[in-house]
Amino acid sequence: MSEANRPRILIADDHALIAEAFKRLLATDFDVIATVHNGRSLIQAAVTLKPEVILTDISMPQLNGLHAAERIKRILPAAKVLYVTVNQDPDIIAKAFRYGASGYVLKTSGASELVTAIRCILQGERYLTPALATTLTEPLAGPDGTASSRYRLTDRQIEVLQLLAEGRSMKEAAAALNLTTRTVAFHKYRIMDTLSLDSDAEVVRYAMREHIVFA
């Protein structure tokens, strides 16, 4: 395959060494157009570069891979999302596919499996690491618009929620999002009111329960 015709891949992982390792691994067969290290940068890069495949971890700072990819799929529905992660939680796997994933591979998988997964999803199929198939209690479903309390929050509120649940102060969250501290405070208290949360501890517990942050 010529350089010009190689599938274009965007890689997101909060560990720079891992992202670079994936880049070196895939460079022979694919055009790795960028590597990024948080969910907000992933959205910006995807919208700008329009990759065919997005290879992303789930747990990332500022915005996790699930919510970043969900937002990207609204803008670039044809993009294929492949999660490469250590997370084996069946609920997370199911949520990933509900949010539009095309594939899910463990970081413990072999290099050849990663290439196989990418080729599979480029052909319009879905891929799940075989070792995980037995952990699922129900068949994988595609995007279904399932309602949950998370969908009562706006995209901006989800960003604020993750940053606060990560332990950032309102001032730090404001700096990360290019907002004023007052605006972040407004979002925080709207979140707490919408979700009937009474304390910062309840905010963190909610964020963990809804897989916005991970332990």
Protein backbone atom coordinates (compact mmCIF):
# COMPACT_ATOMS: atom_id res chain seq x y z
CA MET A 1 0.00 0.00 0.00
CA SER A 2 1.40 3.41 -0.97
CA GLU A 3 2.07 6.07 1.66
CA ALA A 4 -0.80 8.18 0.30
CA ASN A 5 -3.35 5.38 0.65
CA ARG A 6 -2.47 4.17 4.13
CA PRO A 7 -5.22 4.49 6.77
CA ARG A 8 -4.69 7.52 9.03
CA ILE A 9 -4.58 6.86 12.77
CA LEU A 10 -4.75 9.22 15.75
CA ILE A 11 -3.41 7.82 19.04
CA ALA A 12 -4.47 8.98 22.52
CA ASP A 13 -2.88 7.73 25.73
CA ASP A 14 -1.99 9.69 28.85
CA HIS A 15 1.34 7.86 29.05
CA ALA A 16 3.64 9.37 26.42
CA LEU A 17 5.89 6.29 26.30
CA ILE A 18 2.93 4.03 25.52
CA ALA A 19 1.63 6.39 22.85
CA GLU A 20 5.06 6.48 21.20
CA ALA A 21 5.34 2.69 21.41
CA PHE A 22 2.01 2.32 19.60
CA LYS A 23 3.19 4.84 17.00
CA ARG A 24 6.36 2.87 16.29
CA LEU A 25 4.44 -0.39 16.20
CA LEU A 26 1.88 0.85 13.69
CA ALA A 27 4.09 3.06 11.52
CA THR A 28 4.93 0.23 9.12
CA ASP A 29 1.33 -0.36 8.05
CA PHE A 30 -0.50 2.86 8.89
CA ASP A 31 -0.08 6.63 8.81
CA VAL A 32 0.03 7.74 12.46
CA ILE A 33 -0.88 11.41 12.12
CA ALA A 34 -0.59 12.49 15.78
CA THR A 35 -0.37 11.37 19.39
CA VAL A 36 -2.18 13.19 22.23
CA HIS A 37 -2.36 12.64 25.97
CA ASN A 38 -5.76 13.79 27.26
CA GLY A 39 -9.37 13.69 26.16
CA ARG A 40 -9.75 17.37 25.32
CA SER A 41 -6.67 17.28 23.08
CA LEU A 42 -8.07 14.15 21.46
CA ILE A 43 -11.25 15.98 20.43
CA GLN A 44 -9.31 18.95 19.08
CA ALA A 45 -6.93 16.75 17.09
CA ALA A 46 -9.71 14.55 15.71
CA VAL A 47 -11.78 17.51 14.50
CA THR A 48 -8.72 19.10 12.87
CA LEU A 49 -7.07 16.01 11.38
CA LYS A 50 -10.13 13.82 10.64
CA PRO A 51 -8.47 10.39 11.12
CA GLU A 52 -10.01 7.19 9.87
CA VAL A 53 -9.14 5.37 13.12
CA ILE A 54 -8.86 6.71 16.65
CA LEU A 55 -6.89 4.48 19.00
CA THR A 56 -7.52 5.59 22.57
CA ASP A 57 -7.23 4.57 26.19
CA ILE A 58 -10.24 4.96 28.48
CA SER A 59 -8.77 6.53 31.61
CA MET A 60 -7.29 9.91 30.63
CA PRO A 61 -7.12 13.30 32.34
CA GLN A 62 -9.36 16.31 31.62
CA LEU A 63 -11.85 14.17 29.70
CA ASN A 64 -11.84 10.39 29.62
CA GLY A 65 -11.65 8.38 26.43
CA LEU A 66 -15.27 7.26 26.58
CA HIS A 67 -16.73 10.74 26.64
CA ALA A 68 -14.14 12.19 24.28
CA ALA A 69 -14.88 9.51 21.68
CA GLU A 70 -18.63 9.84 22.18
CA ARG A 71 -18.35 13.54 21.37
CA ILE A 72 -16.09 12.90 18.37
CA LYS A 73 -18.58 10.40 16.93
CA ARG A 74 -21.24 13.11 16.91
CA ILE A 75 -18.96 15.27 14.75
CA LEU A 76 -17.20 12.54 12.74
CA PRO A 77 -19.61 9.58 12.64
CA ALA A 78 -17.48 7.69 10.11
CA ALA A 79 -14.40 7.64 12.36
CA LYS A 80 -13.60 4.21 13.82
CA VAL A 81 -12.83 4.16 17.54
CA LEU A 82 -10.63 1.39 18.94
CA TYR A 83 -10.09 1.30 22.70
CA VAL A 84 -6.75 -0.09 23.86
CA THR A 85 -6.85 -0.33 27.63
CA VAL A 86 -6.21 -2.40 30.74
CA ASN A 87 -9.86 -2.07 31.80
CA GLN A 88 -11.71 -5.40 31.76
CA ASP A 89 -14.92 -4.25 33.48
CA PRO A 90 -17.89 -5.67 31.50
CA ASP A 91 -19.92 -2.52 32.19
CA ILE A 92 -17.16 -0.35 30.71
CA ILE A 93 -16.88 -2.60 27.65
CA ALA A 94 -20.63 -2.45 27.08
CA LYS A 95 -20.64 1.33 27.54
CA ALA A 96 -17.76 1.73 25.08
CA PHE A 97 -19.76 0.02 22.34
CA ARG A 98 -22.92 1.93 23.24
CA TYR A 99 -20.90 5.12 22.79
CA GLY A 100 -19.91 4.06 19.28
CA ALA A 101 -16.73 2.00 19.63
CA SER A 102 -15.74 -0.28 16.77
CA GLY A 103 -13.26 -2.30 18.80
CA TYR A 104 -11.87 -3.04 22.25
CA VAL A 105 -8.39 -4.50 22.82
CA LEU A 106 -6.43 -5.10 26.01
CA LYS A 107 -2.95 -3.65 26.40
CA THR A 108 -1.80 -7.14 27.34
CA SER A 109 -2.69 -8.35 23.83
CA GLY A 110 0.02 -9.11 21.30
CA ALA A 111 1.13 -6.59 18.68
CA SER A 112 -0.33 -8.70 15.88
CA GLU A 113 -3.77 -8.58 17.52
CA LEU A 114 -3.73 -4.78 17.52
CA VAL A 115 -3.02 -4.70 13.79
CA THR A 116 -5.72 -7.34 13.21
CA ALA A 117 -8.23 -5.27 15.20
CA ILE A 118 -7.49 -2.14 13.18
CA ARG A 119 -7.85 -3.97 9.86
CA CYS A 120 -11.08 -5.55 11.09
CA ILE A 121 -12.75 -2.28 12.07
CA LEU A 122 -11.60 -0.60 8.83
CA GLN A 123 -13.63 -3.28 7.01
CA GLY A 124 -16.73 -2.23 8.93
CA GLU A 125 -16.66 -5.06 11.46
CA ARG A 126 -16.42 -4.86 15.24
CA TYR A 127 -13.57 -6.37 17.22
CA LEU A 128 -13.40 -7.54 20.82
CA THR A 129 -10.35 -9.21 22.34
CA PRO A 130 -11.34 -12.92 22.50
CA ALA A 131 -10.27 -13.19 26.14
CA LEU A 132 -13.01 -10.72 27.09
CA ALA A 133 -15.87 -12.39 25.25
CA THR A 134 -16.65 -14.74 28.13
CA THR A 135 -16.87 -11.87 30.65
CA LEU A 136 -19.88 -10.27 28.98
CA THR A 137 -23.33 -11.28 30.18
CA GLU A 138 -25.15 -9.94 27.12
CA PRO A 139 -24.34 -9.41 23.44
CA LEU A 140 -22.60 -6.20 22.50
CA ALA A 141 -24.92 -3.45 21.35
CA GLY A 142 -24.18 -0.45 19.20
CA PRO A 143 -25.19 3.11 20.05
CA ASP A 144 -28.69 2.99 21.49
CA GLY A 145 -29.25 6.36 23.09
CA THR A 146 -29.77 4.73 26.47
CA ALA A 147 -30.75 7.42 28.94
CA SER A 148 -28.95 7.78 32.25
CA SER A 149 -28.42 10.53 34.75
CA ARG A 150 -25.22 11.47 32.89
CA TYR A 151 -27.30 12.64 29.94
CA ARG A 152 -28.83 15.36 32.07
CA LEU A 153 -25.41 17.04 32.06
CA THR A 154 -24.04 19.16 29.24
CA ASP A 155 -20.67 18.49 27.61
CA ARG A 156 -19.17 21.42 29.53
CA GLN A 157 -20.59 20.14 32.83
CA ILE A 158 -19.02 16.74 32.21
CA GLU A 159 -15.64 18.40 31.66
CA VAL A 160 -16.00 20.40 34.87
CA LEU A 161 -17.18 17.34 36.78
CA GLN A 162 -14.19 15.23 35.72
CA LEU A 163 -11.67 17.92 36.59
CA LEU A 164 -13.19 18.49 40.03
CA ALA A 165 -13.45 14.75 40.67
CA GLU A 166 -9.75 14.43 39.74
CA GLY A 167 -9.02 16.74 42.66
CA ARG A 168 -8.52 19.99 40.76
CA SER A 169 -9.52 23.20 42.50
CA MET A 170 -12.08 25.43 40.79
CA LYS A 171 -9.24 27.78 39.85
CA GLU A 172 -7.27 24.92 38.27
CA ALA A 173 -10.36 23.65 36.44
CA ALA A 174 -11.02 27.15 35.14
CA ALA A 175 -7.46 27.42 33.81
CA ALA A 176 -7.70 24.01 32.09
CA LEU A 177 -10.99 24.92 30.40
CA ASN A 178 -10.17 28.57 29.64
CA LEU A 179 -13.06 29.72 31.82
CA THR A 180 -13.39 32.04 34.78
CA THR A 181 -13.48 30.56 38.27
CA ARG A 182 -16.94 32.02 38.65
CA THR A 183 -18.16 30.11 35.59
CA VAL A 184 -16.71 26.85 36.91
CA ALA A 185 -18.43 27.48 40.26
CA PHE A 186 -21.70 28.07 38.41
CA HIS A 187 -21.34 24.75 36.56
CA LYS A 188 -20.38 22.92 39.76
CA TYR A 189 -23.48 24.02 41.63
CA ARG A 190 -25.73 23.38 38.65
CA ILE A 191 -24.29 19.84 38.51
CA MET A 192 -24.92 19.32 42.21
CA ASP A 193 -28.45 20.67 41.92
CA THR A 194 -29.26 18.60 38.81
CA LEU A 195 -27.95 15.37 40.34
CA SER A 196 -29.10 16.09 43.92
CA LEU A 197 -25.56 15.90 45.28
CA ASP A 198 -24.88 17.56 48.63
CA SER A 199 -21.09 17.52 49.00
CA ASP A 200 -17.79 17.30 47.15
CA ALA A 201 -17.48 13.69 48.31
CA GLU A 202 -20.80 12.85 46.66
CA VAL A 203 -19.61 14.54 43.46
CA VAL A 204 -16.54 12.27 43.40
CA ARG A 205 -18.60 9.15 44.15
CA TYR A 206 -21.01 10.00 41.35
CA ALA A 207 -18.15 10.57 38.90
CA MET A 208 -16.66 7.18 39.78
CA ARG A 209 -20.00 5.38 39.63
CA GLU A 210 -20.77 6.83 36.20
CA HIS A 211 -17.25 6.05 34.90
CA ILE A 212 -16.32 9.70 34.47
CA VAL A 213 -13.20 9.15 36.58
CA PHE A 214 -11.62 5.82 37.43
CA ALA A 215 -10.11 4.56 40.67
